[in-house]
Amino acid sequence: MDFSYRDKQYIRNGLKIYLKHLQLHSEEDSVSDEKFSEMQDDIVWIRDLLFEIEKDLAEMKMNAPGGAKLYTLNTDEDNK
């Protein structure tokens, strides 16, 4: 199943929110070592997936047929 540009935008935004949530936790939090380790693994996987989604979005924008304008959010501004 192929995802549309809009679908990938929703996925991208969801991944960014989840990633920010995971990054709020530190080793000092009242989270077990095992749970913290799982969260760190999730951060790595989510970052990789987010990279792929953003790459797909950029490619879709570049290859938009007939001069259609597709806009992606500026990733530098999103990280603030």
PDB file of N, CA and C in Angstrom:
ATOM      1  N   MET A   1       0.838  -1.170   0.000  1.00  0.00           N
ATOM      2  CA  MET A   1       0.000   0.000   0.000  1.00  0.00           C
ATOM      3  C   MET A   1       0.892   1.246   0.000  1.00  0.00           C
ATOM      4  N   ASP A   2       0.623   2.134  -0.911  1.00  0.00           N
ATOM      5  CA  ASP A   2       1.364   3.382  -0.972  1.00  0.00           C
ATOM      6  C   ASP A   2       0.657   4.436  -0.133  1.00  0.00           C
ATOM      7  N   PHE A   3       1.449   5.238   0.528  1.00  0.00           N
ATOM      8  CA  PHE A   3       0.908   6.331   1.313  1.00  0.00           C
ATOM      9  C   PHE A   3       0.946   7.613   0.501  1.00  0.00           C
ATOM     10  N   SER A   4      -0.066   8.421   0.650  1.00  0.00           N
ATOM     11  CA  SER A   4      -0.117   9.704  -0.036  1.00  0.00           C
ATOM     12  C   SER A   4       0.779  10.703   0.690  1.00  0.00           C
ATOM     13  N   TYR A   5       0.971  11.835   0.044  1.00  0.00           N
ATOM     14  CA  TYR A   5       1.755  12.915   0.647  1.00  0.00           C
ATOM     15  C   TYR A   5       1.139  13.326   1.983  1.00  0.00           C
ATOM     16  N   ARG A   6      -0.164  13.441   1.992  1.00  0.00           N
ATOM     17  CA  ARG A   6      -0.871  13.835   3.219  1.00  0.00           C
ATOM     18  C   ARG A   6      -0.692  12.784   4.318  1.00  0.00           C
ATOM     19  N   ASP A   7      -0.804  11.498   3.942  1.00  0.00           N
ATOM     20  CA  ASP A   7      -0.595  10.415   4.912  1.00  0.00           C
ATOM     21  C   ASP A   7       0.785  10.511   5.541  1.00  0.00           C
ATOM     22  N   LYS A   8       1.790  10.751   4.706  1.00  0.00           N
ATOM     23  CA  LYS A   8       3.165  10.823   5.209  1.00  0.00           C
ATOM     24  C   LYS A   8       3.365  12.042   6.099  1.00  0.00           C
ATOM     25  N   GLN A   9       2.650  13.114   5.824  1.00  0.00           N
ATOM     26  CA  GLN A   9       2.727  14.285   6.703  1.00  0.00           C
ATOM     27  C   GLN A   9       2.177  13.942   8.093  1.00  0.00           C
ATOM     28  N   TYR A  10       1.044  13.233   8.121  1.00  0.00           N
ATOM     29  CA  TYR A  10       0.457  12.817   9.403  1.00  0.00           C
ATOM     30  C   TYR A  10       1.398  11.879  10.154  1.00  0.00           C
ATOM     31  N   ILE A  11       1.984  10.922   9.426  1.00  0.00           N
ATOM     32  CA  ILE A  11       2.918   9.982  10.042  1.00  0.00           C
ATOM     33  C   ILE A  11       4.117  10.739  10.590  1.00  0.00           C
ATOM     34  N   ARG A  12       4.653  11.652   9.801  1.00  0.00           N
ATOM     35  CA  ARG A  12       5.806  12.458  10.209  1.00  0.00           C
ATOM     36  C   ARG A  12       5.509  13.230  11.494  1.00  0.00           C
ATOM     37  N   ASN A  13       4.376  13.883  11.529  1.00  0.00           N
ATOM     38  CA  ASN A  13       4.016  14.669  12.711  1.00  0.00           C
ATOM     39  C   ASN A  13       3.822  13.784  13.938  1.00  0.00           C
ATOM     40  N   GLY A  14       3.203  12.630  13.757  1.00  0.00           N
ATOM     41  CA  GLY A  14       3.020  11.693  14.862  1.00  0.00           C
ATOM     42  C   GLY A  14       4.352  11.185  15.397  1.00  0.00           C
ATOM     43  N   LEU A  15       5.274  10.873  14.500  1.00  0.00           N
ATOM     44  CA  LEU A  15       6.595  10.411  14.913  1.00  0.00           C
ATOM     45  C   LEU A  15       7.347  11.494  15.682  1.00  0.00           C
ATOM     46  N   LYS A  16       7.235  12.733  15.223  1.00  0.00           N
ATOM     47  CA  LYS A  16       7.922  13.840  15.899  1.00  0.00           C
ATOM     48  C   LYS A  16       7.371  14.039  17.316  1.00  0.00           C
ATOM     49  N   ILE A  17       6.069  13.934  17.465  1.00  0.00           N
ATOM     50  CA  ILE A  17       5.456  14.085  18.793  1.00  0.00           C
ATOM     51  C   ILE A  17       5.899  12.954  19.710  1.00  0.00           C
ATOM     52  N   TYR A  18       5.874  11.726  19.205  1.00  0.00           N
ATOM     53  CA  TYR A  18       6.282  10.575  20.011  1.00  0.00           C
ATOM     54  C   TYR A  18       7.756  10.680  20.388  1.00  0.00           C
ATOM     55  N   LEU A  19       8.591  11.108  19.453  1.00  0.00           N
ATOM     56  CA  LEU A  19      10.014  11.267  19.717  1.00  0.00           C
ATOM     57  C   LEU A  19      10.262  12.308  20.813  1.00  0.00           C
ATOM     58  N   LYS A  20       9.559  13.430  20.728  1.00  0.00           N
ATOM     59  CA  LYS A  20       9.704  14.453  21.773  1.00  0.00           C
ATOM     60  C   LYS A  20       9.286  13.912  23.136  1.00  0.00           C
ATOM     61  N   HIS A  21       8.216  13.125  23.158  1.00  0.00           N
ATOM     62  CA  HIS A  21       7.748  12.520  24.406  1.00  0.00           C
ATOM     63  C   HIS A  21       8.811  11.585  24.991  1.00  0.00           C
ATOM     64  N   LEU A  22       9.414  10.757  24.145  1.00  0.00           N
ATOM     65  CA  LEU A  22      10.438   9.831  24.613  1.00  0.00           C
ATOM     66  C   LEU A  22      11.669  10.565  25.136  1.00  0.00           C
ATOM     67  N   GLN A  23      12.007  11.676  24.506  1.00  0.00           N
ATOM     68  CA  GLN A  23      13.207  12.408  24.880  1.00  0.00           C
ATOM     69  C   GLN A  23      13.041  13.203  26.176  1.00  0.00           C
ATOM     70  N   LEU A  24      11.841  13.304  26.693  1.00  0.00           N
ATOM     71  CA  LEU A  24      11.618  14.006  27.956  1.00  0.00           C
ATOM     72  C   LEU A  24      12.169  13.240  29.151  1.00  0.00           C
ATOM     73  N   HIS A  25      12.332  11.933  28.993  1.00  0.00           N
ATOM     74  CA  HIS A  25      12.762  11.088  30.099  1.00  0.00           C
ATOM     75  C   HIS A  25      14.282  11.016  30.169  1.00  0.00           C
ATOM     76  N   SER A  26      14.792  10.925  31.390  1.00  0.00           N
ATOM     77  CA  SER A  26      16.227  10.768  31.595  1.00  0.00           C
ATOM     78  C   SER A  26      16.460   9.597  32.543  1.00  0.00           C
ATOM     79  N   GLU A  27      17.721   9.222  32.709  1.00  0.00           N
ATOM     80  CA  GLU A  27      18.054   8.103  33.587  1.00  0.00           C
ATOM     81  C   GLU A  27      17.654   8.372  35.036  1.00  0.00           C
ATOM     82  N   GLU A  28      17.591   9.634  35.403  1.00  0.00           N
ATOM     83  CA  GLU A  28      17.253   9.985  36.781  1.00  0.00           C
ATOM     84  C   GLU A  28      15.755   9.832  37.080  1.00  0.00           C
ATOM     85  N   ASP A  29      14.933   9.727  36.038  1.00  0.00           N
ATOM     86  CA  ASP A  29      13.490   9.570  36.241  1.00  0.00           C
ATOM     87  C   ASP A  29      13.207   8.240  36.933  1.00  0.00           C
ATOM     88  N   SER A  30      12.021   8.143  37.483  1.00  0.00           N
ATOM     89  CA  SER A  30      11.631   6.915  38.182  1.00  0.00           C
ATOM     90  C   SER A  30      11.155   5.854  37.187  1.00  0.00           C
ATOM     91  N   VAL A  31      12.037   5.557  36.234  1.00  0.00           N
ATOM     92  CA  VAL A  31      11.761   4.542  35.221  1.00  0.00           C
ATOM     93  C   VAL A  31      12.816   3.450  35.395  1.00  0.00           C
ATOM     94  N   SER A  32      12.400   2.202  35.302  1.00  0.00           N
ATOM     95  CA  SER A  32      13.355   1.104  35.469  1.00  0.00           C
ATOM     96  C   SER A  32      14.424   1.162  34.371  1.00  0.00           C
ATOM     97  N   ASP A  33      15.564   0.550  34.663  1.00  0.00           N
ATOM     98  CA  ASP A  33      16.654   0.530  33.683  1.00  0.00           C
ATOM     99  C   ASP A  33      16.227  -0.151  32.389  1.00  0.00           C
ATOM    100  N   GLU A  34      15.451  -1.222  32.524  1.00  0.00           N
ATOM    101  CA  GLU A  34      14.983  -1.953  31.344  1.00  0.00           C
ATOM    102  C   GLU A  34      14.055  -1.069  30.498  1.00  0.00           C
ATOM    103  N   LYS A  35      13.139  -0.387  31.151  1.00  0.00           N
ATOM    104  CA  LYS A  35      12.206   0.498  30.445  1.00  0.00           C
ATOM    105  C   LYS A  35      12.963   1.652  29.786  1.00  0.00           C
ATOM    106  N   PHE A  36      13.933   2.231  30.494  1.00  0.00           N
ATOM    107  CA  PHE A  36      14.718   3.326  29.934  1.00  0.00           C
ATOM    108  C   PHE A  36      15.499   2.853  28.709  1.00  0.00           C
ATOM    109  N   SER A  37      16.059   1.660  28.784  1.00  0.00           N
ATOM    110  CA  SER A  37      16.799   1.089  27.655  1.00  0.00           C
ATOM    111  C   SER A  37      15.877   0.888  26.449  1.00  0.00           C
ATOM    112  N   GLU A  38      14.667   0.404  26.690  1.00  0.00           N
ATOM    113  CA  GLU A  38      13.684   0.236  25.613  1.00  0.00           C
ATOM    114  C   GLU A  38      13.338   1.581  24.977  1.00  0.00           C
ATOM    115  N   MET A  39      13.220   2.599  25.816  1.00  0.00           N
ATOM    116  CA  MET A  39      12.897   3.935  25.296  1.00  0.00           C
ATOM    117  C   MET A  39      14.038   4.468  24.425  1.00  0.00           C
ATOM    118  N   GLN A  40      15.269   4.203  24.840  1.00  0.00           N
ATOM    119  CA  GLN A  40      16.409   4.644  24.038  1.00  0.00           C
ATOM    120  C   GLN A  40      16.447   3.911  22.695  1.00  0.00           C
ATOM    121  N   ASP A  41      16.112   2.625  22.701  1.00  0.00           N
ATOM    122  CA  ASP A  41      16.021   1.863  21.449  1.00  0.00           C
ATOM    123  C   ASP A  41      14.935   2.448  20.552  1.00  0.00           C
ATOM    124  N   ASP A  42      13.786   2.776  21.156  1.00  0.00           N
ATOM    125  CA  ASP A  42      12.688   3.376  20.392  1.00  0.00           C
ATOM    126  C   ASP A  42      13.121   4.698  19.760  1.00  0.00           C
ATOM    127  N   ILE A  43      13.885   5.491  20.491  1.00  0.00           N
ATOM    128  CA  ILE A  43      14.357   6.777  19.956  1.00  0.00           C
ATOM    129  C   ILE A  43      15.181   6.547  18.695  1.00  0.00           C
ATOM    130  N   VAL A  44      16.065   5.568  18.725  1.00  0.00           N
ATOM    131  CA  VAL A  44      16.899   5.270  17.556  1.00  0.00           C
ATOM    132  C   VAL A  44      16.023   4.837  16.375  1.00  0.00           C
ATOM    133  N   TRP A  45      15.087   3.929  16.630  1.00  0.00           N
ATOM    134  CA  TRP A  45      14.219   3.429  15.561  1.00  0.00           C
ATOM    135  C   TRP A  45      13.318   4.539  15.002  1.00  0.00           C
ATOM    136  N   ILE A  46      12.771   5.355  15.878  1.00  0.00           N
ATOM    137  CA  ILE A  46      11.878   6.436  15.444  1.00  0.00           C
ATOM    138  C   ILE A  46      12.653   7.456  14.620  1.00  0.00           C
ATOM    139  N   ARG A  47      13.869   7.788  15.037  1.00  0.00           N
ATOM    140  CA  ARG A  47      14.695   8.727  14.261  1.00  0.00           C
ATOM    141  C   ARG A  47      14.972   8.192  12.865  1.00  0.00           C
ATOM    142  N   ASP A  48      15.285   6.896  12.767  1.00  0.00           N
ATOM    143  CA  ASP A  48      15.534   6.287  11.459  1.00  0.00           C
ATOM    144  C   ASP A  48      14.284   6.327  10.587  1.00  0.00           C
ATOM    145  N   LEU A  49      13.153   5.986  11.171  1.00  0.00           N
ATOM    146  CA  LEU A  49      11.894   6.012  10.437  1.00  0.00           C
ATOM    147  C   LEU A  49      11.531   7.434  10.019  1.00  0.00           C
ATOM    148  N   LEU A  50      11.725   8.378  10.901  1.00  0.00           N
ATOM    149  CA  LEU A  50      11.453   9.780  10.602  1.00  0.00           C
ATOM    150  C   LEU A  50      12.340  10.269   9.455  1.00  0.00           C
ATOM    151  N   PHE A  51      13.602   9.871   9.456  1.00  0.00           N
ATOM    152  CA  PHE A  51      14.510  10.232   8.369  1.00  0.00           C
ATOM    153  C   PHE A  51      13.973   9.716   7.034  1.00  0.00           C
ATOM    154  N   GLU A  52      13.526   8.453   7.010  1.00  0.00           N
ATOM    155  CA  GLU A  52      12.993   7.868   5.772  1.00  0.00           C
ATOM    156  C   GLU A  52      11.729   8.586   5.299  1.00  0.00           C
ATOM    157  N   ILE A  53      10.839   8.904   6.219  1.00  0.00           N
ATOM    158  CA  ILE A  53       9.604   9.612   5.873  1.00  0.00           C
ATOM    159  C   ILE A  53       9.932  10.993   5.311  1.00  0.00           C
ATOM    160  N   GLU A  54      10.845  11.715   5.961  1.00  0.00           N
ATOM    161  CA  GLU A  54      11.204  13.051   5.476  1.00  0.00           C
ATOM    162  C   GLU A  54      11.880  12.981   4.112  1.00  0.00           C
ATOM    163  N   LYS A  55      12.670  11.939   3.890  1.00  0.00           N
ATOM    164  CA  LYS A  55      13.301  11.742   2.583  1.00  0.00           C
ATOM    165  C   LYS A  55      12.224  11.486   1.518  1.00  0.00           C
ATOM    166  N   ASP A  56      11.248  10.655   1.833  1.00  0.00           N
ATOM    167  CA  ASP A  56      10.148  10.387   0.899  1.00  0.00           C
ATOM    168  C   ASP A  56       9.357  11.654   0.597  1.00  0.00           C
ATOM    169  N   LEU A  57       9.081  12.450   1.620  1.00  0.00           N
ATOM    170  CA  LEU A  57       8.342  13.696   1.421  1.00  0.00           C
ATOM    171  C   LEU A  57       9.113  14.650   0.516  1.00  0.00           C
ATOM    172  N   ALA A  58      10.407  14.765   0.726  1.00  0.00           N
ATOM    173  CA  ALA A  58      11.224  15.643  -0.115  1.00  0.00           C
ATOM    174  C   ALA A  58      11.235  15.153  -1.555  1.00  0.00           C
ATOM    175  N   GLU A  59      11.308  13.840  -1.727  1.00  0.00           N
ATOM    176  CA  GLU A  59      11.292  13.259  -3.080  1.00  0.00           C
ATOM    177  C   GLU A  59       9.941  13.500  -3.759  1.00  0.00           C
ATOM    178  N   MET A  60       8.865  13.326  -3.007  1.00  0.00           N
ATOM    179  CA  MET A  60       7.533  13.570  -3.564  1.00  0.00           C
ATOM    180  C   MET A  60       7.389  15.030  -3.986  1.00  0.00           C
ATOM    181  N   LYS A  61       7.940  15.933  -3.186  1.00  0.00           N
ATOM    182  CA  LYS A  61       7.871  17.358  -3.500  1.00  0.00           C
ATOM    183  C   LYS A  61       8.644  17.663  -4.776  1.00  0.00           C
ATOM    184  N   MET A  62       9.832  17.073  -4.909  1.00  0.00           N
ATOM    185  CA  MET A  62      10.652  17.305  -6.099  1.00  0.00           C
ATOM    186  C   MET A  62      10.028  16.740  -7.362  1.00  0.00           C
ATOM    187  N   ASN A  63       9.323  15.626  -7.237  1.00  0.00           N
ATOM    188  CA  ASN A  63       8.763  14.931  -8.392  1.00  0.00           C
ATOM    189  C   ASN A  63       7.279  15.207  -8.608  1.00  0.00           C
ATOM    190  N   ALA A  64       6.765  16.268  -8.023  1.00  0.00           N
ATOM    191  CA  ALA A  64       5.343  16.591  -8.178  1.00  0.00           C
ATOM    192  C   ALA A  64       5.046  16.855  -9.657  1.00  0.00           C
ATOM    193  N   PRO A  65       4.065  16.157 -10.227  1.00  0.00           N
ATOM    194  CA  PRO A  65       3.762  16.310 -11.648  1.00  0.00           C
ATOM    195  C   PRO A  65       3.037  17.618 -11.957  1.00  0.00           C
ATOM    196  N   GLY A  66       3.262  18.114 -13.148  1.00  0.00           N
ATOM    197  CA  GLY A  66       2.515  19.262 -13.649  1.00  0.00           C
ATOM    198  C   GLY A  66       2.677  20.536 -12.851  1.00  0.00           C
ATOM    199  N   GLY A  67       3.775  20.673 -12.180  1.00  0.00           N
ATOM    200  CA  GLY A  67       4.008  21.908 -11.437  1.00  0.00           C
ATOM    201  C   GLY A  67       3.203  22.024 -10.165  1.00  0.00           C
ATOM    202  N   ALA A  68       2.623  20.922  -9.721  1.00  0.00           N
ATOM    203  CA  ALA A  68       1.862  20.965  -8.465  1.00  0.00           C
ATOM    204  C   ALA A  68       2.800  21.352  -7.330  1.00  0.00           C
ATOM    205  N   LYS A  69       2.297  22.147  -6.428  1.00  0.00           N
ATOM    206  CA  LYS A  69       3.111  22.604  -5.310  1.00  0.00           C
ATOM    207  C   LYS A  69       2.801  21.770  -4.071  1.00  0.00           C
ATOM    208  N   LEU A  70       3.810  21.090  -3.589  1.00  0.00           N
ATOM    209  CA  LEU A  70       3.699  20.355  -2.338  1.00  0.00           C
ATOM    210  C   LEU A  70       4.658  21.003  -1.363  1.00  0.00           C
ATOM    211  N   TYR A  71       4.208  21.284  -0.187  1.00  0.00           N
ATOM    212  CA  TYR A  71       5.036  21.973   0.787  1.00  0.00           C
ATOM    213  C   TYR A  71       5.296  21.079   1.985  1.00  0.00           C
ATOM    214  N   THR A  72       6.530  21.072   2.417  1.00  0.00           N
ATOM    215  CA  THR A  72       6.875  20.393   3.657  1.00  0.00           C
ATOM    216  C   THR A  72       7.252  21.460   4.660  1.00  0.00           C
ATOM    217  N   LEU A  73       7.040  21.152   5.924  1.00  0.00           N
ATOM    218  CA  LEU A  73       7.416  22.080   6.975  1.00  0.00           C
ATOM    219  C   LEU A  73       8.926  22.110   7.072  1.00  0.00           C
ATOM    220  N   ASN A  74       9.467  23.240   7.402  1.00  0.00           N
ATOM    221  CA  ASN A  74      10.908  23.385   7.562  1.00  0.00           C
ATOM    222  C   ASN A  74      11.324  22.593   8.803  1.00  0.00           C
ATOM    223  N   THR A  75      12.181  21.576   8.621  1.00  0.00           N
ATOM    224  CA  THR A  75      12.544  20.708   9.733  1.00  0.00           C
ATOM    225  C   THR A  75      13.334  21.444  10.798  1.00  0.00           C
ATOM    226  N   ASP A  76      14.068  22.493  10.429  1.00  0.00           N
ATOM    227  CA  ASP A  76      14.813  23.259  11.432  1.00  0.00           C
ATOM    228  C   ASP A  76      13.865  23.960  12.390  1.00  0.00           C
ATOM    229  N   GLU A  77      12.783  24.491  11.886  1.00  0.00           N
ATOM    230  CA  GLU A  77      11.813  25.181  12.721  1.00  0.00           C
ATOM    231  C   GLU A  77      11.018  24.209  13.573  1.00  0.00           C
ATOM    232  N   ASP A  78      10.807  22.980  13.068  1.00  0.00           N
ATOM    233  CA  ASP A  78      10.029  21.989  13.811  1.00  0.00           C
ATOM    234  C   ASP A  78      10.766  21.497  15.049  1.00  0.00           C
ATOM    235  N   ASN A  79      12.073  21.579  15.054  1.00  0.00           N
ATOM    236  CA  ASN A  79      12.850  21.057  16.173  1.00  0.00           C
ATOM    237  C   ASN A  79      12.918  22.019  17.335  1.00  0.00           C
ATOM    238  N   LYS A  80      12.292  23.174  17.226  1.00  0.00           N
ATOM    239  CA  LYS A  80      12.323  24.156  18.306  1.00  0.00           C
ATOM    240  C   LYS A  80      11.320  23.809  19.372  1.00  0.00           C
TER     241      LYS A  80
END
